[in-house]
Amino acid sequence: MRMLVRGGLVIDTAPEVVVRPDTDVLIEDGRIAAVGSGLVADDAEVIDATGRIVLPGFVDTHRHVWQTALRGIGTDGDLGYYFDRVMQARGTRYRAEDVAASNLVGALECVDGGITTVQDYSHVQGSTEFADAAVDALDRSGIRAVFGFGPSPLAGGAVDSDGLRHVLGRVSGRITVAVASLGPAYAPFEYVEADWTLAAELGLPVVTHIDSSELTPTPIAKLREAGLLRPDTLYVHCNNLPESELKLIADSGASVSVAPAVESRLEMGEPVAARLRAAGVGVSLGIDTVTSSPGDMFSVMQQVLALGHRSFTAAEVLQLATVAGARALGLTDVGSLAIGNQADLIVLRSTDLNLAGGLQDPVATVVTLGHPGNVETVLVGGTPVKRDGQVVSTSLPAALDALAESTAYLTA
């Protein structure tokens, strides 16, 4: 199958951010075959990108997709409020069908706003039925996903080895798996060691929330002492870690996902992206949870610019949202429009009122002024999951009905 995205203003992200006016993108068998002007592909399906901006899809490196049914309920509280009202009062009521409804609509929300890859940190695992529901919904949405399988922090246990192996037997193609460990901030250390050992045995990456507490003031040093620092680990947040901890992360080759909107709203500490970059740590961006923040990457990019005190340019923020996110997840063939990469790309209408007049600096315009309504077309592996402004991968009305039923049950 061949597809030609013709005549757009193409923004690529690696190795540097570049802008190419009136440029075509040729896709063959789901991968990018050529990028240039006047490409000839007589037998290709054509997407006319005239008056459009074409760029790599966004990569969300940390999101609890299962919480979609609880949108907004954590907005007016801090982290303790989130644990009480979201995790305890509502999260413990979840059934497999609630996970299915939230994951499907949450993933569709991602693709609707141009997120083509999501790291789904699924810490709502009551049984393998929950994991099956989550993975099936991700697959139905058409998104690319790294499914993080792990326990609830309310339980405080290790990752269920049998459950993880079950998930591994069910995924393929666009969906891969990570060990979603509670980590040294939220679990006894013997469980942490068990999680890291399991990940190494199965050849899987680890994703974990990290912060400093009275009980574990230096969690990264504790991991180092146990010989557990490894490059294929994605730490999340890290707002209150001292510089010595950030240096250990940098030296290990691991990355950090920051979620500035949630971190600010839940009072998790000062913005950390600039400190991480200064320490040499790879930084990526996550939504985290729609219980407390917007669910789109445009909002997160704008938060980074607003809170970064000019530490980042617009081009650098765009890289955080694309190629840096891919690297953080260990995905080598997404995040940019390099030849041979997966054809995960988005098309924005540059003629929309909020973007009109912004082509003097299209990168800054997209990062500072864009929103999901500008996203006209989304391809994942060359397959349209949004086209002409409409999600096409599944029945949206049915998905919304199921979510409404779930929300009514969970909040009754």
Protein backbone atom coordinates (compact mmCIF):
# COMPACT_ATOMS: atom_id res chain seq x y z
CA MET A 1 0.00 0.00 0.00
CA ARG A 2 1.32 3.44 -0.94
CA MET A 3 0.15 6.84 0.24
CA LEU A 4 1.36 10.31 -0.71
CA VAL A 5 0.85 13.27 1.62
CA ARG A 6 1.27 16.01 -0.96
CA GLY A 7 2.28 19.66 -0.81
CA GLY A 8 2.30 20.36 2.90
CA LEU A 9 4.55 22.50 5.04
CA VAL A 10 6.54 19.69 6.63
CA ILE A 11 8.14 20.06 10.06
CA ASP A 12 10.59 17.33 11.03
CA THR A 13 12.20 16.91 14.45
CA ALA A 14 15.47 15.00 14.11
CA PRO A 15 18.33 15.45 14.27
CA GLU A 16 17.24 19.10 14.40
CA VAL A 17 13.89 20.73 13.87
CA VAL A 18 13.58 21.74 10.21
CA VAL A 19 10.77 23.30 8.16
CA ARG A 20 10.25 22.32 4.52
CA PRO A 21 7.56 24.22 2.58
CA ASP A 22 5.64 22.57 -0.28
CA THR A 23 6.95 19.11 0.53
CA ASP A 24 5.58 15.60 -0.03
CA VAL A 25 5.80 12.54 2.23
CA LEU A 26 5.65 9.16 0.51
CA ILE A 27 4.52 6.18 2.59
CA GLU A 28 5.03 2.56 1.56
CA ASP A 29 3.86 -0.42 3.64
CA GLY A 30 3.25 1.81 6.64
CA ARG A 31 6.71 3.39 6.67
CA ILE A 32 8.15 6.65 5.37
CA ALA A 33 9.77 5.97 2.00
CA ALA A 34 10.69 9.49 0.88
CA VAL A 35 10.36 13.15 1.87
CA GLY A 36 10.82 15.80 -0.80
CA SER A 37 9.23 18.07 -3.39
CA GLY A 38 7.46 16.79 -6.48
CA LEU A 39 7.52 13.12 -5.53
CA VAL A 40 5.91 10.86 -8.13
CA ALA A 41 3.72 7.98 -7.00
CA ASP A 42 1.07 7.37 -9.63
CA ASP A 43 -0.48 4.40 -7.84
CA ALA A 44 -0.56 6.00 -4.36
CA GLU A 45 -3.56 7.21 -2.43
CA VAL A 46 -3.16 10.99 -2.15
CA ILE A 47 -3.81 13.16 0.87
CA ASP A 48 -3.81 16.79 -0.25
CA ALA A 49 -1.85 18.73 2.39
CA THR A 50 -2.04 22.11 0.65
CA GLY A 51 -2.53 24.76 3.33
CA ARG A 52 -1.63 22.18 5.96
CA ILE A 53 1.23 21.55 8.38
CA VAL A 54 2.60 17.99 8.45
CA LEU A 55 4.68 16.78 11.40
CA PRO A 56 5.46 13.62 13.38
CA GLY A 57 2.78 12.40 15.76
CA PHE A 58 3.16 13.31 19.42
CA VAL A 59 4.46 10.77 21.95
CA ASP A 60 2.82 10.83 25.40
CA THR A 61 5.25 9.05 27.71
CA HIS A 62 3.05 8.83 30.80
CA ARG A 63 -0.73 8.54 31.03
CA HIS A 64 -3.19 6.65 33.22
CA VAL A 65 -5.62 6.00 30.38
CA TRP A 66 -7.96 4.03 32.65
CA GLN A 67 -8.90 7.23 34.49
CA THR A 68 -10.72 8.78 31.51
CA ALA A 69 -14.13 8.07 33.10
CA LEU A 70 -13.14 10.26 36.05
CA ARG A 71 -12.21 13.33 34.05
CA GLY A 72 -11.92 16.50 36.13
CA ILE A 73 -12.73 15.11 39.56
CA GLY A 74 -9.24 15.71 40.97
CA THR A 75 -8.86 19.29 39.76
CA ASP A 76 -9.48 21.08 43.06
CA GLY A 77 -7.11 19.09 45.28
CA ASP A 78 -3.49 18.15 45.86
CA LEU A 79 -1.78 14.76 45.56
CA GLY A 80 -3.36 13.48 48.77
CA TYR A 81 -6.78 14.48 47.44
CA TYR A 82 -6.01 12.59 44.23
CA PHE A 83 -5.16 9.42 46.13
CA ASP A 84 -8.28 9.70 48.29
CA ARG A 85 -10.84 10.72 45.70
CA VAL A 86 -9.51 9.11 42.52
CA MET A 87 -7.45 6.09 43.51
CA GLN A 88 -9.30 5.01 46.66
CA ALA A 89 -12.90 6.19 46.40
CA ARG A 90 -13.33 5.58 42.67
CA GLY A 91 -10.42 3.45 41.46
CA THR A 92 -11.28 0.58 43.77
CA ARG A 93 -14.76 0.39 42.21
CA TYR A 94 -13.51 -0.27 38.68
CA ARG A 95 -14.71 -3.30 36.76
CA ALA A 96 -13.16 -4.66 33.59
CA GLU A 97 -15.85 -2.95 31.51
CA ASP A 98 -14.94 0.39 33.09
CA VAL A 99 -11.31 -0.12 32.10
CA ALA A 100 -12.42 -0.98 28.57
CA ALA A 101 -14.59 2.13 28.26
CA SER A 102 -11.95 4.48 29.68
CA ASN A 103 -9.10 3.04 27.66
CA LEU A 104 -10.98 3.22 24.40
CA VAL A 105 -12.17 6.81 24.78
CA GLY A 106 -8.86 7.87 26.32
CA ALA A 107 -6.91 6.41 23.40
CA LEU A 108 -9.31 7.98 20.92
CA GLU A 109 -8.81 11.31 22.68
CA CYS A 110 -5.09 10.84 22.14
CA VAL A 111 -5.33 10.22 18.41
CA ASP A 112 -7.94 12.95 18.00
CA GLY A 113 -5.38 15.44 19.33
CA GLY A 114 -2.41 14.08 17.36
CA ILE A 115 -0.89 11.73 19.95
CA THR A 116 0.10 8.65 17.96
CA THR A 117 2.00 6.85 20.76
CA VAL A 118 0.99 6.62 24.41
CA GLN A 119 2.64 4.97 27.39
CA ASP A 120 -0.37 3.67 29.30
CA TYR A 121 0.59 3.22 32.97
CA SER A 122 -2.19 0.84 33.96
CA HIS A 123 -2.15 0.51 37.76
CA VAL A 124 -5.75 -0.65 38.07
CA GLN A 125 -5.11 -4.36 37.61
CA GLY A 126 -7.75 -6.31 39.53
CA SER A 127 -7.24 -9.38 37.34
CA THR A 128 -6.00 -10.41 33.93
CA GLU A 129 -9.52 -9.56 32.72
CA PHE A 130 -8.70 -5.89 33.44
CA ALA A 131 -5.50 -6.11 31.43
CA ASP A 132 -7.29 -7.82 28.56
CA ALA A 133 -9.90 -5.05 28.51
CA ALA A 134 -7.24 -2.33 28.51
CA VAL A 135 -5.13 -3.89 25.77
CA ASP A 136 -8.12 -4.70 23.57
CA ALA A 137 -9.33 -1.09 23.82
CA LEU A 138 -5.91 0.29 22.90
CA ASP A 139 -5.81 -2.02 19.91
CA ARG A 140 -9.31 -0.97 18.76
CA SER A 141 -8.37 2.70 18.89
CA GLY A 142 -5.55 2.28 16.37
CA ILE A 143 -2.97 4.00 18.58
CA ARG A 144 0.60 2.83 19.15
CA ALA A 145 1.06 2.02 22.83
CA VAL A 146 3.52 0.87 25.45
CA PHE A 147 1.27 -0.84 27.99
CA GLY A 148 2.64 -0.51 31.51
CA PHE A 149 1.32 -3.42 33.58
CA GLY A 150 1.47 -2.91 37.33
CA PRO A 151 -0.29 -2.92 40.70
CA SER A 152 -2.17 -0.12 42.41
CA PRO A 153 -0.10 1.96 44.85
CA LEU A 154 -2.87 1.29 47.36
CA ALA A 155 -1.80 -2.37 47.39
CA GLY A 156 1.92 -1.70 47.61
CA GLY A 157 2.94 -5.00 46.04
CA ALA A 158 5.16 -6.30 43.29
CA VAL A 159 4.15 -6.68 39.66
CA ASP A 160 2.23 -9.94 39.16
CA SER A 161 4.57 -12.16 37.17
CA ASP A 162 1.87 -14.48 35.86
CA GLY A 163 -0.34 -11.57 34.88
CA LEU A 164 2.51 -9.88 33.06
CA ARG A 165 3.31 -13.04 31.13
CA HIS A 166 -0.36 -13.32 30.22
CA VAL A 167 -0.29 -9.79 28.78
CA LEU A 168 2.86 -10.54 26.82
CA GLY A 169 1.05 -13.43 25.17
CA ARG A 170 -1.74 -11.13 23.99
CA VAL A 171 0.07 -8.15 22.49
CA SER A 172 1.76 -7.69 19.14
CA GLY A 173 2.42 -5.10 16.47
CA ARG A 174 1.58 -1.60 17.63
CA ILE A 175 1.36 -2.56 21.34
CA THR A 176 4.36 -3.45 23.45
CA VAL A 177 4.73 -3.94 27.21
CA ALA A 178 6.63 -2.34 30.10
CA VAL A 179 6.89 -3.27 33.77
CA ALA A 180 5.00 -0.56 35.68
CA SER A 181 6.71 -0.88 39.04
CA LEU A 182 5.57 1.09 42.07
CA GLY A 183 9.25 1.79 42.68
CA PRO A 184 11.12 2.74 45.85
CA ALA A 185 8.82 5.68 46.63
CA TYR A 186 5.69 3.53 46.99
CA ALA A 187 6.66 -0.08 47.73
CA PRO A 188 8.95 -2.08 50.06
CA PHE A 189 12.31 -2.48 48.42
CA GLU A 190 12.11 -6.27 48.12
CA TYR A 191 9.19 -5.73 45.73
CA VAL A 192 11.21 -3.20 43.76
CA GLU A 193 14.05 -5.69 43.36
CA ALA A 194 11.57 -8.35 42.26
CA ASP A 195 10.11 -6.00 39.61
CA TRP A 196 13.50 -5.06 38.18
CA THR A 197 14.57 -8.73 38.14
CA LEU A 198 11.37 -9.70 36.33
CA ALA A 199 11.88 -6.93 33.77
CA ALA A 200 15.45 -8.06 33.12
CA GLU A 201 14.36 -11.69 32.77
CA LEU A 202 11.70 -10.80 30.19
CA GLY A 203 13.73 -8.10 28.42
CA LEU A 204 11.20 -5.37 29.22
CA PRO A 205 11.67 -1.70 30.13
CA VAL A 206 10.62 -0.33 33.50
CA VAL A 207 8.46 2.73 34.13
CA THR A 208 7.97 4.06 37.65
CA HIS A 209 6.90 7.12 39.62
CA ILE A 210 9.75 8.70 41.56
CA ASP A 211 9.86 11.29 44.30
CA SER A 212 11.79 11.93 47.47
CA SER A 213 10.13 11.21 50.81
CA GLU A 214 11.13 11.04 54.47
CA LEU A 215 11.30 7.26 54.20
CA THR A 216 13.21 7.27 50.91
CA PRO A 217 14.97 10.63 50.50
CA THR A 218 17.33 9.37 47.77
CA PRO A 219 15.46 6.67 45.78
CA ILE A 220 17.84 6.71 42.80
CA ALA A 221 20.86 6.18 45.06
CA LYS A 222 19.01 3.27 46.65
CA LEU A 223 18.48 1.74 43.22
CA ARG A 224 22.17 2.24 42.42
CA GLU A 225 23.26 0.54 45.65
CA ALA A 226 21.19 -2.48 44.65
CA GLY A 227 22.67 -2.52 41.14
CA LEU A 228 19.32 -1.67 39.57
CA LEU A 229 20.13 1.44 37.54
CA ARG A 230 19.61 0.71 33.86
CA PRO A 231 19.13 2.81 30.72
CA ASP A 232 15.77 1.30 29.75
CA THR A 233 14.02 2.85 32.75
CA LEU A 234 11.58 5.74 32.51
CA TYR A 235 11.22 7.69 35.75
CA VAL A 236 8.14 9.88 36.14
CA HIS A 237 7.97 13.33 37.81
CA CYS A 238 11.16 13.57 39.98
CA ASN A 239 10.20 17.14 40.99
CA ASN A 240 11.72 17.12 44.45
CA LEU A 241 14.87 15.09 43.79
CA PRO A 242 18.19 16.74 44.68
CA GLU A 243 20.80 17.39 41.98
CA SER A 244 22.81 14.34 43.07
CA GLU A 245 19.86 12.12 42.17
CA LEU A 246 19.41 13.76 38.78
CA LYS A 247 23.08 13.17 38.02
CA LEU A 248 22.67 9.46 38.81
CA ILE A 249 19.78 9.27 36.36
CA ALA A 250 21.85 11.00 33.70
CA ASP A 251 24.83 8.73 34.27
CA SER A 252 22.61 5.64 33.97
CA GLY A 253 21.28 6.72 30.57
CA ALA A 254 17.67 6.61 31.75
CA SER A 255 15.01 9.23 30.97
CA VAL A 256 12.34 11.17 32.85
CA SER A 257 8.76 11.92 31.85
CA VAL A 258 7.45 15.21 33.20
CA ALA A 259 3.78 16.16 33.40
CA PRO A 260 3.92 19.88 34.20
CA ALA A 261 0.18 20.51 34.31
CA VAL A 262 -0.53 17.74 36.81
CA GLU A 263 2.64 18.37 38.81
CA SER A 264 1.67 22.00 39.25
CA ARG A 265 -2.00 21.34 39.98
CA LEU A 266 -1.30 18.58 42.53
CA GLU A 267 1.50 20.60 44.19
CA MET A 268 4.14 17.97 43.54
CA GLY A 269 7.06 20.41 43.52
CA GLU A 270 8.72 23.00 41.33
CA PRO A 271 8.87 22.45 37.56
CA VAL A 272 11.74 20.08 36.89
CA ALA A 273 12.23 19.95 33.11
CA ALA A 274 14.93 22.64 33.01
CA ARG A 275 16.82 21.07 35.94
CA LEU A 276 16.71 17.68 34.26
CA ARG A 277 18.09 19.02 31.01
CA ALA A 278 20.85 20.92 32.82
CA ALA A 279 21.82 17.66 34.53
CA GLY A 280 22.03 15.86 31.18
CA VAL A 281 18.87 13.79 31.63
CA GLY A 282 16.69 12.92 28.65
CA VAL A 283 13.32 14.65 29.12
CA SER A 284 9.95 13.72 27.61
CA LEU A 285 6.37 14.84 28.16
CA GLY A 286 3.34 13.10 29.64
CA ILE A 287 -0.29 14.00 30.22
CA ASP A 288 -0.50 11.84 33.38
CA THR A 289 -4.19 12.03 34.27
CA VAL A 290 -7.23 13.84 32.90
CA THR A 291 -8.67 13.87 36.41
CA SER A 292 -6.55 16.99 36.96
CA SER A 293 -5.33 18.33 33.62
CA PRO A 294 -6.06 18.61 29.88
CA GLY A 295 -5.59 15.47 27.82
CA ASP A 296 -3.75 16.92 24.82
CA MET A 297 -0.07 17.46 24.04
CA PHE A 298 -0.55 21.05 22.86
CA SER A 299 -1.51 22.03 26.42
CA VAL A 300 1.53 20.27 27.88
CA MET A 301 3.92 21.93 25.42
CA GLN A 302 2.44 25.31 26.32
CA GLN A 303 2.88 24.51 30.02
CA VAL A 304 6.57 23.72 29.49
CA LEU A 305 7.09 27.03 27.73
CA ALA A 306 5.16 28.94 30.40
CA LEU A 307 6.95 27.33 33.34
CA GLY A 308 10.40 26.97 31.79
CA HIS A 309 11.55 30.58 32.24
CA ARG A 310 13.00 30.58 28.70
CA SER A 311 14.96 27.40 29.33
CA PHE A 312 13.47 25.87 26.19
CA THR A 313 12.81 27.20 22.71
CA ALA A 314 9.63 26.23 20.90
CA ALA A 315 11.64 23.90 18.67
CA GLU A 316 13.13 22.14 21.70
CA VAL A 317 9.68 21.69 23.24
CA LEU A 318 8.43 20.15 19.99
CA GLN A 319 11.29 17.66 20.19
CA LEU A 320 10.31 16.79 23.78
CA ALA A 321 6.81 15.99 22.52
CA THR A 322 7.99 13.81 19.63
CA VAL A 323 11.44 12.31 19.12
CA ALA A 324 12.55 12.67 22.75
CA GLY A 325 9.42 10.82 23.83
CA ALA A 326 10.18 8.01 21.39
CA ARG A 327 13.72 7.70 22.74
CA ALA A 328 12.44 7.66 26.32
CA LEU A 329 10.22 4.68 25.45
CA GLY A 330 12.98 2.87 23.59
CA LEU A 331 11.17 3.26 20.26
CA THR A 332 13.74 3.82 17.53
CA ASP A 333 11.41 4.17 14.53
CA VAL A 334 8.88 6.82 15.59
CA GLY A 335 9.06 10.46 16.63
CA SER A 336 10.46 11.88 13.39
CA LEU A 337 9.92 11.66 9.64
CA ALA A 338 13.19 9.86 8.97
CA ILE A 339 13.22 7.48 6.01
CA GLY A 340 12.28 4.00 7.23
CA ASN A 341 10.40 5.23 10.29
CA GLN A 342 6.84 4.23 10.99
CA ALA A 343 4.48 6.62 9.21
CA ASP A 344 3.07 8.09 12.41
CA LEU A 345 2.24 11.64 11.41
CA ILE A 346 -0.36 14.35 11.82
CA VAL A 347 -1.76 17.01 9.51
CA LEU A 348 -2.90 20.38 10.90
CA ARG A 349 -4.98 23.01 9.11
CA SER A 350 -2.77 26.10 9.02
CA THR A 351 -5.74 28.13 7.79
CA ASP A 352 -7.68 27.75 11.05
CA LEU A 353 -8.21 31.08 12.75
CA ASN A 354 -5.87 30.38 15.66
CA LEU A 355 -3.01 29.38 13.30
CA ALA A 356 -3.65 31.80 10.43
CA GLY A 357 -0.78 34.22 9.89
CA GLY A 358 1.65 31.95 11.72
CA LEU A 359 3.75 30.62 8.87
CA GLN A 360 6.61 33.07 9.49
CA ASP A 361 7.51 30.75 12.38
CA PRO A 362 5.35 27.64 12.02
CA VAL A 363 7.16 25.74 14.79
CA ALA A 364 6.43 28.42 17.39
CA THR A 365 2.90 28.74 16.05
CA VAL A 366 2.16 25.02 16.45
CA VAL A 367 3.70 24.81 19.92
CA THR A 368 2.25 27.97 21.41
CA LEU A 369 -1.10 28.28 19.62
CA GLY A 370 -2.15 24.84 18.41
CA HIS A 371 -4.98 22.77 19.85
CA PRO A 372 -6.62 19.42 19.02
CA GLY A 373 -9.27 21.06 16.85
CA ASN A 374 -6.55 21.94 14.32
CA VAL A 375 -5.73 18.25 13.78
CA GLU A 376 -7.32 17.16 10.52
CA THR A 377 -5.65 13.83 9.78
CA VAL A 378 -3.70 11.33 11.89
CA LEU A 379 -1.83 8.30 10.55
CA VAL A 380 -0.41 5.49 12.69
CA GLY A 381 1.81 3.17 10.70
CA GLY A 382 0.34 4.72 7.57
CA THR A 383 -3.21 3.84 8.58
CA PRO A 384 -5.66 6.74 9.03
CA VAL A 385 -7.13 6.84 12.54
CA LYS A 386 -8.48 10.36 12.04
CA ARG A 387 -9.45 11.80 8.68
CA ASP A 388 -11.15 15.02 7.62
CA GLY A 389 -11.39 15.98 11.28
CA GLN A 390 -13.19 12.79 12.35
CA VAL A 391 -11.93 9.74 14.29
CA VAL A 392 -12.39 6.74 12.00
CA SER A 393 -10.86 3.77 13.80
CA THR A 394 -14.01 2.75 15.72
CA SER A 395 -17.56 3.81 16.50
CA LEU A 396 -17.22 6.99 18.52
CA PRO A 397 -20.91 7.22 19.55
CA ALA A 398 -20.84 3.68 20.97
CA ALA A 399 -17.59 4.37 22.78
CA LEU A 400 -18.99 7.53 24.34
CA ASP A 401 -22.17 5.75 25.44
CA ALA A 402 -20.13 3.06 27.19
CA LEU A 403 -18.01 5.70 28.92
CA ALA A 404 -21.11 7.60 30.10
CA GLU A 405 -22.49 4.41 31.65
CA SER A 406 -19.15 3.75 33.34
CA THR A 407 -18.86 7.29 34.73
CA ALA A 408 -22.41 7.10 36.10
CA TYR A 409 -21.61 3.84 37.89
CA LEU A 410 -18.23 4.95 39.26
CA THR A 411 -19.50 8.28 40.60
CA ALA A 412 -22.88 7.15 41.94
